């Protein structure tokens, strides 16, 4: 029973550390740039 608790605590600690590293190093911001497209309107 003690091994299961130790393994669970180890997984929780590793998960927390992984999430912390991902929060600091993971960059999910989109690449911004200007897009110009001509628009053709069907005005009779």
PDB file of N, CA and C in Angstrom:
ATOM      1  N   UNK A   1       0.824  -1.199   0.000  1.00  0.00           N
ATOM      2  CA  UNK A   1       0.000   0.000   0.000  1.00  0.00           C
ATOM      3  C   UNK A   1       0.867   1.262   0.000  1.00  0.00           C
ATOM      4  N   UNK A   2       1.984   1.196   0.686  1.00  0.00           N
ATOM      5  CA  UNK A   2       2.872   2.350   0.749  1.00  0.00           C
ATOM      6  C   UNK A   2       3.508   2.663  -0.594  1.00  0.00           C
ATOM      7  N   UNK A   3       3.782   1.604  -1.369  1.00  0.00           N
ATOM      8  CA  UNK A   3       4.376   1.826  -2.689  1.00  0.00           C
ATOM      9  C   UNK A   3       3.403   2.533  -3.616  1.00  0.00           C
ATOM     10  N   UNK A   4       2.135   2.188  -3.518  1.00  0.00           N
ATOM     11  CA  UNK A   4       1.123   2.818  -4.367  1.00  0.00           C
ATOM     12  C   UNK A   4       1.007   4.301  -4.043  1.00  0.00           C
ATOM     13  N   UNK A   5       1.024   4.636  -2.787  1.00  0.00           N
ATOM     14  CA  UNK A   5       0.918   6.039  -2.372  1.00  0.00           C
ATOM     15  C   UNK A   5       2.159   6.815  -2.817  1.00  0.00           C
ATOM     16  N   UNK A   6       3.332   6.221  -2.668  1.00  0.00           N
ATOM     17  CA  UNK A   6       4.566   6.884  -3.096  1.00  0.00           C
ATOM     18  C   UNK A   6       4.569   7.089  -4.610  1.00  0.00           C
ATOM     19  N   UNK A   7       4.135   6.081  -5.353  1.00  0.00           N
ATOM     20  CA  UNK A   7       4.092   6.203  -6.810  1.00  0.00           C
ATOM     21  C   UNK A   7       3.097   7.279  -7.218  1.00  0.00           C
ATOM     22  N   UNK A   8       1.954   7.337  -6.553  1.00  0.00           N
ATOM     23  CA  UNK A   8       0.951   8.355  -6.861  1.00  0.00           C
ATOM     24  C   UNK A   8       1.479   9.753  -6.565  1.00  0.00           C
ATOM     25  N   UNK A   9       2.125   9.923  -5.438  1.00  0.00           N
ATOM     26  CA  UNK A   9       2.698  11.230  -5.096  1.00  0.00           C
ATOM     27  C   UNK A   9       3.796  11.623  -6.083  1.00  0.00           C
ATOM     28  N   UNK A  10       4.592  10.662  -6.511  1.00  0.00           N
ATOM     29  CA  UNK A  10       5.623  10.948  -7.500  1.00  0.00           C
ATOM     30  C   UNK A  10       5.001  11.396  -8.818  1.00  0.00           C
ATOM     31  N   UNK A  11       3.935  10.729  -9.256  1.00  0.00           N
ATOM     32  CA  UNK A  11       3.249  11.129 -10.479  1.00  0.00           C
ATOM     33  C   UNK A  11       2.625  12.515 -10.354  1.00  0.00           C
ATOM     34  N   UNK A  12       2.083  12.833  -9.210  1.00  0.00           N
ATOM     35  CA  UNK A  12       1.494  14.159  -8.995  1.00  0.00           C
ATOM     36  C   UNK A  12       2.575  15.232  -9.048  1.00  0.00           C
ATOM     37  N   UNK A  13       3.699  14.973  -8.418  1.00  0.00           N
ATOM     38  CA  UNK A  13       4.792  15.955  -8.419  1.00  0.00           C
ATOM     39  C   UNK A  13       5.350  16.137  -9.828  1.00  0.00           C
ATOM     40  N   UNK A  14       5.565  15.028 -10.546  1.00  0.00           N
ATOM     41  CA  UNK A  14       6.074  15.130 -11.914  1.00  0.00           C
ATOM     42  C   UNK A  14       5.079  15.835 -12.827  1.00  0.00           C
ATOM     43  N   UNK A  15       3.800  15.575 -12.646  1.00  0.00           N
ATOM     44  CA  UNK A  15       2.783  16.258 -13.438  1.00  0.00           C
ATOM     45  C   UNK A  15       2.772  17.753 -13.168  1.00  0.00           C
ATOM     46  N   UNK A  16       2.883  18.122 -11.911  1.00  0.00           N
ATOM     47  CA  UNK A  16       2.920  19.541 -11.555  1.00  0.00           C
ATOM     48  C   UNK A  16       4.146  20.226 -12.134  1.00  0.00           C
ATOM     49  N   UNK A  17       5.292  19.564 -12.062  1.00  0.00           N
ATOM     50  CA  UNK A  17       6.517  20.140 -12.627  1.00  0.00           C
ATOM     51  C   UNK A  17       6.400  20.258 -14.145  1.00  0.00           C
ATOM     52  N   UNK A  18       5.845  19.247 -14.788  1.00  0.00           N
ATOM     53  CA  UNK A  18       5.667  19.302 -16.235  1.00  0.00           C
ATOM     54  C   UNK A  18       4.741  20.422 -16.645  1.00  0.00           C
ATOM     55  N   UNK A  19       3.662  20.595 -15.920  1.00  0.00           N
ATOM     56  CA  UNK A  19       2.721  21.675 -16.215  1.00  0.00           C
ATOM     57  C   UNK A  19       3.361  23.042 -15.995  1.00  0.00           C
ATOM     58  N   UNK A  20       4.179  23.165 -14.977  1.00  0.00           N
ATOM     59  CA  UNK A  20       4.865  24.426 -14.706  1.00  0.00           C
ATOM     60  C   UNK A  20       5.861  24.753 -15.818  1.00  0.00           C
ATOM     61  N   UNK A  21       6.630  23.766 -16.247  1.00  0.00           N
ATOM     62  CA  UNK A  21       7.596  23.994 -17.330  1.00  0.00           C
ATOM     63  C   UNK A  21       6.864  24.352 -18.618  1.00  0.00           C
ATOM     64  N   UNK A  22       5.772  23.671 -18.902  1.00  0.00           N
ATOM     65  CA  UNK A  22       5.005  23.967 -20.112  1.00  0.00           C
ATOM     66  C   UNK A  22       4.424  25.379 -20.068  1.00  0.00           C
ATOM     67  N   UNK A  23       3.975  25.815 -18.904  1.00  0.00           N
ATOM     68  CA  UNK A  23       3.403  27.159 -18.773  1.00  0.00           C
ATOM     69  C   UNK A  23       4.465  28.229 -19.035  1.00  0.00           C
ATOM     70  N   UNK A  24       5.695  27.975 -18.631  1.00  0.00           N
ATOM     71  CA  UNK A  24       6.747  28.965 -18.838  1.00  0.00           C
ATOM     72  C   UNK A  24       7.346  28.907 -20.243  1.00  0.00           C
ATOM     73  N   UNK A  25       7.464  27.719 -20.807  1.00  0.00           N
ATOM     74  CA  UNK A  25       8.167  27.570 -22.074  1.00  0.00           C
ATOM     75  C   UNK A  25       7.236  27.426 -23.273  1.00  0.00           C
ATOM     76  N   UNK A  26       6.033  26.985 -23.062  1.00  0.00           N
ATOM     77  CA  UNK A  26       5.106  26.776 -24.174  1.00  0.00           C
ATOM     78  C   UNK A  26       4.561  28.103 -24.672  1.00  0.00           C
ATOM     79  N   UNK A  27       4.828  28.423 -25.922  1.00  0.00           N
ATOM     80  CA  UNK A  27       4.370  29.686 -26.493  1.00  0.00           C
ATOM     81  C   UNK A  27       3.285  29.380 -27.515  1.00  0.00           C
ATOM     82  N   UNK A  28       2.049  29.667 -27.174  1.00  0.00           N
ATOM     83  CA  UNK A  28       0.928  29.363 -28.051  1.00  0.00           C
ATOM     84  C   UNK A  28       0.329  30.620 -28.684  1.00  0.00           C
ATOM     85  N   UNK A  29       1.065  31.711 -28.661  1.00  0.00           N
ATOM     86  CA  UNK A  29       0.535  32.936 -29.241  1.00  0.00           C
ATOM     87  C   UNK A  29       0.543  32.827 -30.766  1.00  0.00           C
ATOM     88  N   UNK A  30      -0.487  33.302 -31.420  1.00  0.00           N
ATOM     89  CA  UNK A  30      -0.554  33.198 -32.881  1.00  0.00           C
ATOM     90  C   UNK A  30       0.414  34.170 -33.561  1.00  0.00           C
ATOM     91  N   UNK A  31       0.836  33.803 -34.746  1.00  0.00           N
ATOM     92  CA  UNK A  31       1.693  34.679 -35.539  1.00  0.00           C
ATOM     93  C   UNK A  31       0.808  35.747 -36.164  1.00  0.00           C
ATOM     94  N   UNK A  32       1.156  36.996 -35.935  1.00  0.00           N
ATOM     95  CA  UNK A  32       0.338  38.088 -36.429  1.00  0.00           C
ATOM     96  C   UNK A  32       0.942  38.667 -37.696  1.00  0.00           C
ATOM     97  N   UNK A  33       0.075  39.005 -38.618  1.00  0.00           N
ATOM     98  CA  UNK A  33       0.526  39.612 -39.860  1.00  0.00           C
ATOM     99  C   UNK A  33      -0.653  40.256 -40.563  1.00  0.00           C
ATOM    100  N   UNK A  34      -0.344  41.177 -41.449  1.00  0.00           N
ATOM    101  CA  UNK A  34      -1.386  41.883 -42.172  1.00  0.00           C
ATOM    102  C   UNK A  34      -1.733  41.118 -43.443  1.00  0.00           C
ATOM    103  N   UNK A  35      -3.030  40.956 -43.684  1.00  0.00           N
ATOM    104  CA  UNK A  35      -3.499  40.238 -44.874  1.00  0.00           C
ATOM    105  C   UNK A  35      -4.374  41.199 -45.670  1.00  0.00           C
ATOM    106  N   UNK A  36      -4.035  41.364 -46.951  1.00  0.00           N
ATOM    107  CA  UNK A  36      -4.830  42.240 -47.816  1.00  0.00           C
ATOM    108  C   UNK A  36      -5.388  41.405 -48.960  1.00  0.00           C
ATOM    109  N   UNK A  37      -6.708  41.441 -49.131  1.00  0.00           N
ATOM    110  CA  UNK A  37      -7.374  40.734 -50.223  1.00  0.00           C
ATOM    111  C   UNK A  37      -8.353  41.684 -50.885  1.00  0.00           C
ATOM    112  N   UNK A  38      -8.351  41.744 -52.194  1.00  0.00           N
ATOM    113  CA  UNK A  38      -9.322  42.590 -52.875  1.00  0.00           C
ATOM    114  C   UNK A  38     -10.729  41.968 -52.777  1.00  0.00           C
ATOM    115  N   UNK A  39     -11.724  42.820 -52.647  1.00  0.00           N
ATOM    116  CA  UNK A  39     -13.102  42.375 -52.545  1.00  0.00           C
ATOM    117  C   UNK A  39     -13.862  42.872 -53.778  1.00  0.00           C
ATOM    118  N   UNK A  40     -14.525  41.951 -54.472  1.00  0.00           N
ATOM    119  CA  UNK A  40     -15.319  42.303 -55.637  1.00  0.00           C
ATOM    120  C   UNK A  40     -16.778  42.226 -55.238  1.00  0.00           C
ATOM    121  N   UNK A  41     -17.470  43.374 -55.322  1.00  0.00           N
ATOM    122  CA  UNK A  41     -18.878  43.413 -54.956  1.00  0.00           C
ATOM    123  C   UNK A  41     -19.729  43.344 -56.224  1.00  0.00           C
ATOM    124  N   UNK A  42     -20.807  42.629 -56.181  1.00  0.00           N
ATOM    125  CA  UNK A  42     -21.742  42.505 -57.319  1.00  0.00           C
ATOM    126  C   UNK A  42     -22.809  43.593 -57.228  1.00  0.00           C
ATOM    127  N   UNK A  43     -22.419  44.816 -57.499  1.00  0.00           N
ATOM    128  CA  UNK A  43     -23.360  45.935 -57.472  1.00  0.00           C
ATOM    129  C   UNK A  43     -23.808  46.206 -58.921  1.00  0.00           C
ATOM    130  N   UNK A  44     -25.081  45.924 -59.190  1.00  0.00           N
ATOM    131  CA  UNK A  44     -25.587  46.088 -60.571  1.00  0.00           C
ATOM    132  C   UNK A  44     -25.756  47.509 -60.893  1.00  0.00           C
TER     133      UNK A  44
END
